[in-house]
Amino acid sequence: MRIEIIEIIEIIEIVEIVEIVGIVGIVGIVGIVGIVGIVEIVGIVGIVGRSRRLPQHPTLVPHSTANSAASTVSAVAS
């Protein structure tokens, strides 16, 4: 039983990490839009957003898809 409990705890920790990734994904979208300069510093996605300030709609698709996938995983897990 103790081993099973430890495995459940590890799964919960992974879910928490996924939720953090989801938040970073939202920050990344804000970085691409370029509304807040400080937000762009947060995360690799934000740095990519800084290098692509031009309003290129195709660049928004992968980040929003990744964010929705991460939030979906966290919602399903919770």
N, C-alpha and C. Protein backbone atom coordinates (compact mmCIF):
# COMPACT_ATOMS: atom_id res chain seq x y z
N MET A 1 0.83 -1.21 0.00
CA MET A 1 0.00 0.00 0.00
C MET A 1 0.87 1.27 0.00
N ARG A 2 1.95 1.24 0.73
CA ARG A 2 2.78 2.44 0.81
C ARG A 2 3.35 2.81 -0.55
N ILE A 3 3.74 1.82 -1.32
CA ILE A 3 4.29 2.10 -2.65
C ILE A 3 3.23 2.76 -3.52
N GLU A 4 1.99 2.31 -3.46
CA GLU A 4 0.92 2.91 -4.25
C GLU A 4 0.68 4.36 -3.85
N ILE A 5 0.74 4.63 -2.55
CA ILE A 5 0.54 6.01 -2.08
C ILE A 5 1.65 6.90 -2.62
N ILE A 6 2.87 6.41 -2.60
CA ILE A 6 4.00 7.20 -3.12
C ILE A 6 3.79 7.49 -4.60
N GLU A 7 3.32 6.51 -5.37
CA GLU A 7 3.08 6.73 -6.79
C GLU A 7 2.01 7.78 -7.01
N ILE A 8 0.96 7.77 -6.20
CA ILE A 8 -0.11 8.77 -6.32
C ILE A 8 0.46 10.17 -6.04
N ILE A 9 1.30 10.26 -5.02
CA ILE A 9 1.91 11.56 -4.68
C ILE A 9 2.76 12.06 -5.86
N GLU A 10 3.51 11.16 -6.49
CA GLU A 10 4.32 11.56 -7.64
C GLU A 10 3.44 12.06 -8.78
N ILE A 11 2.30 11.41 -9.01
CA ILE A 11 1.38 11.85 -10.07
C ILE A 11 0.85 13.24 -9.74
N ILE A 12 0.52 13.48 -8.48
CA ILE A 12 0.01 14.79 -8.07
C ILE A 12 1.07 15.86 -8.33
N GLU A 13 2.34 15.55 -8.03
CA GLU A 13 3.42 16.52 -8.28
C GLU A 13 3.54 16.83 -9.76
N ILE A 14 3.39 15.82 -10.61
CA ILE A 14 3.46 16.04 -12.06
C ILE A 14 2.30 16.93 -12.50
N VAL A 15 1.12 16.72 -11.94
CA VAL A 15 -0.04 17.55 -12.28
C VAL A 15 0.22 19.00 -11.90
N GLU A 16 0.82 19.23 -10.74
CA GLU A 16 1.14 20.60 -10.34
C GLU A 16 2.10 21.24 -11.32
N ILE A 17 3.09 20.49 -11.79
CA ILE A 17 4.04 21.02 -12.77
C ILE A 17 3.31 21.36 -14.06
N VAL A 18 2.37 20.51 -14.47
CA VAL A 18 1.61 20.77 -15.70
C VAL A 18 0.80 22.06 -15.55
N GLU A 19 0.22 22.29 -14.37
CA GLU A 19 -0.54 23.52 -14.16
C GLU A 19 0.37 24.74 -14.26
N ILE A 20 1.58 24.63 -13.74
CA ILE A 20 2.54 25.74 -13.85
C ILE A 20 2.89 25.98 -15.32
N VAL A 21 3.07 24.90 -16.07
CA VAL A 21 3.36 25.02 -17.49
C VAL A 21 2.20 25.72 -18.20
N GLY A 22 0.97 25.41 -17.79
CA GLY A 22 -0.19 26.07 -18.38
C GLY A 22 -0.16 27.58 -18.14
N ILE A 23 0.20 27.98 -16.94
CA ILE A 23 0.29 29.41 -16.63
C ILE A 23 1.38 30.05 -17.48
N VAL A 24 2.51 29.38 -17.60
CA VAL A 24 3.61 29.92 -18.42
C VAL A 24 3.17 30.04 -19.87
N GLY A 25 2.33 29.11 -20.32
CA GLY A 25 1.82 29.19 -21.69
C GLY A 25 0.99 30.45 -21.90
N ILE A 26 0.15 30.79 -20.93
CA ILE A 26 -0.66 32.01 -21.03
C ILE A 26 0.26 33.22 -21.05
N VAL A 27 1.27 33.22 -20.19
CA VAL A 27 2.24 34.32 -20.16
C VAL A 27 2.94 34.43 -21.50
N GLY A 28 3.23 33.28 -22.12
CA GLY A 28 3.89 33.30 -23.41
C GLY A 28 3.04 33.96 -24.48
N ILE A 29 1.73 33.71 -24.44
CA ILE A 29 0.84 34.34 -25.42
C ILE A 29 0.84 35.85 -25.21
N VAL A 30 0.81 36.28 -23.96
CA VAL A 30 0.88 37.72 -23.67
C VAL A 30 2.19 38.28 -24.18
N GLY A 31 3.27 37.50 -24.05
CA GLY A 31 4.58 37.95 -24.54
C GLY A 31 4.60 38.13 -26.04
N ILE A 32 3.94 37.20 -26.76
CA ILE A 32 3.89 37.31 -28.22
C ILE A 32 3.14 38.56 -28.63
N VAL A 33 2.03 38.83 -27.95
CA VAL A 33 1.27 40.04 -28.25
C VAL A 33 2.12 41.26 -27.94
N GLY A 34 2.98 41.14 -26.94
CA GLY A 34 3.90 42.23 -26.61
C GLY A 34 3.23 43.34 -25.82
N ILE A 35 2.21 43.01 -25.02
CA ILE A 35 1.53 44.04 -24.23
C ILE A 35 2.41 44.45 -23.04
N VAL A 36 2.93 43.45 -22.33
CA VAL A 36 3.74 43.74 -21.15
C VAL A 36 5.16 43.28 -21.41
N GLY A 37 6.11 44.18 -21.32
CA GLY A 37 7.52 43.84 -21.61
C GLY A 37 8.11 42.91 -20.57
N ILE A 38 7.75 43.10 -19.29
CA ILE A 38 8.32 42.27 -18.23
C ILE A 38 7.85 40.84 -18.37
N VAL A 39 6.60 40.66 -18.80
CA VAL A 39 6.05 39.31 -18.94
C VAL A 39 6.82 38.52 -19.97
N GLU A 40 7.36 39.19 -20.97
CA GLU A 40 8.09 38.50 -22.03
C GLU A 40 9.35 37.82 -21.48
N ILE A 41 9.89 38.33 -20.39
CA ILE A 41 11.10 37.74 -19.82
C ILE A 41 10.79 36.37 -19.23
N VAL A 42 9.55 36.17 -18.77
CA VAL A 42 9.18 34.93 -18.09
C VAL A 42 9.07 33.80 -19.10
N GLY A 43 9.87 32.77 -18.89
CA GLY A 43 9.75 31.55 -19.69
C GLY A 43 10.35 31.65 -21.07
N ILE A 44 10.67 30.51 -21.65
CA ILE A 44 11.24 30.45 -22.99
C ILE A 44 10.21 30.95 -24.00
N VAL A 45 8.94 30.61 -23.77
CA VAL A 45 7.89 31.03 -24.70
C VAL A 45 7.83 32.55 -24.76
N GLY A 46 8.01 33.18 -23.61
CA GLY A 46 8.02 34.64 -23.58
C GLY A 46 9.18 35.22 -24.36
N ILE A 47 10.34 34.58 -24.28
CA ILE A 47 11.51 35.06 -25.02
C ILE A 47 11.26 34.91 -26.51
N VAL A 48 10.64 33.79 -26.91
CA VAL A 48 10.29 33.62 -28.32
C VAL A 48 9.33 34.71 -28.74
N GLY A 49 8.40 35.06 -27.84
CA GLY A 49 7.45 36.12 -28.14
C GLY A 49 8.15 37.45 -28.37
N ARG A 50 9.23 37.69 -27.65
CA ARG A 50 9.95 38.94 -27.80
C ARG A 50 10.59 39.01 -29.18
N SER A 51 11.08 37.88 -29.66
CA SER A 51 11.77 37.88 -30.96
C SER A 51 10.77 37.91 -32.12
N ARG A 52 9.50 37.70 -31.84
CA ARG A 52 8.49 37.70 -32.91
C ARG A 52 7.38 38.69 -32.57
N ARG A 53 7.71 39.96 -32.56
CA ARG A 53 6.72 40.97 -32.19
C ARG A 53 5.76 41.29 -33.33
N LEU A 54 6.16 40.99 -34.55
CA LEU A 54 5.29 41.29 -35.68
C LEU A 54 3.99 40.49 -35.56
N PRO A 55 2.87 41.09 -35.92
CA PRO A 55 1.58 40.41 -35.78
C PRO A 55 1.42 39.27 -36.79
N GLN A 56 2.11 38.17 -36.53
CA GLN A 56 2.00 37.00 -37.39
C GLN A 56 1.06 36.01 -36.72
N HIS A 57 -0.14 35.89 -37.26
CA HIS A 57 -1.16 35.05 -36.62
C HIS A 57 -0.77 33.57 -36.59
N PRO A 58 -0.07 33.04 -37.58
CA PRO A 58 0.31 31.62 -37.49
C PRO A 58 1.20 31.31 -36.29
N THR A 59 1.98 32.29 -35.81
CA THR A 59 2.84 32.02 -34.66
C THR A 59 2.02 31.91 -33.38
N LEU A 60 0.82 32.47 -33.36
CA LEU A 60 -0.02 32.37 -32.17
C LEU A 60 -0.63 30.99 -32.02
N VAL A 61 -0.79 30.28 -33.11
CA VAL A 61 -1.51 29.01 -33.07
C VAL A 61 -0.80 27.95 -32.23
N PRO A 62 0.51 27.70 -32.43
CA PRO A 62 1.14 26.63 -31.65
C PRO A 62 1.13 26.92 -30.15
N HIS A 63 1.31 28.19 -29.77
CA HIS A 63 1.39 28.51 -28.35
C HIS A 63 0.02 28.37 -27.71
N SER A 64 -1.02 28.84 -28.39
CA SER A 64 -2.36 28.72 -27.81
C SER A 64 -2.78 27.26 -27.77
N THR A 65 -2.37 26.48 -28.77
CA THR A 65 -2.68 25.05 -28.76
C THR A 65 -1.96 24.36 -27.61
N ALA A 66 -0.70 24.68 -27.41
CA ALA A 66 0.06 24.07 -26.32
C ALA A 66 -0.54 24.46 -24.97
N ASN A 67 -0.96 25.71 -24.85
CA ASN A 67 -1.54 26.17 -23.60
C ASN A 67 -2.85 25.46 -23.33
N SER A 68 -3.71 25.33 -24.34
CA SER A 68 -4.99 24.66 -24.13
C SER A 68 -4.78 23.19 -23.82
N ALA A 69 -3.75 22.59 -24.42
CA ALA A 69 -3.45 21.19 -24.12
C ALA A 69 -3.00 21.04 -22.68
N ALA A 70 -2.15 21.94 -22.21
CA ALA A 70 -1.67 21.86 -20.83
C ALA A 70 -2.81 22.10 -19.85
N SER A 71 -3.67 23.07 -20.15
CA SER A 71 -4.77 23.34 -19.24
C SER A 71 -5.79 22.20 -19.27
N THR A 72 -5.94 21.56 -20.43
CA THR A 72 -6.85 20.42 -20.52
C THR A 72 -6.32 19.27 -19.68
N VAL A 73 -5.01 19.03 -19.77
CA VAL A 73 -4.41 17.95 -18.97
C VAL A 73 -4.58 18.23 -17.49
N SER A 74 -4.35 19.47 -17.07
CA SER A 74 -4.47 19.80 -15.65
C SER A 74 -5.93 19.71 -15.21
N ALA A 75 -6.86 20.09 -16.09
CA ALA A 75 -8.27 20.00 -15.73
C ALA A 75 -8.72 18.55 -15.59
N VAL A 76 -8.28 17.72 -16.53
CA VAL A 76 -8.64 16.30 -16.48
C VAL A 76 -8.02 15.65 -15.26
N ALA A 77 -6.77 16.02 -14.96
CA ALA A 77 -6.08 15.41 -13.82
C ALA A 77 -6.72 15.81 -12.50
N SER A 78 -7.19 17.06 -12.43
CA SER A 78 -7.80 17.51 -11.19
C SER A 78 -9.22 17.00 -11.09
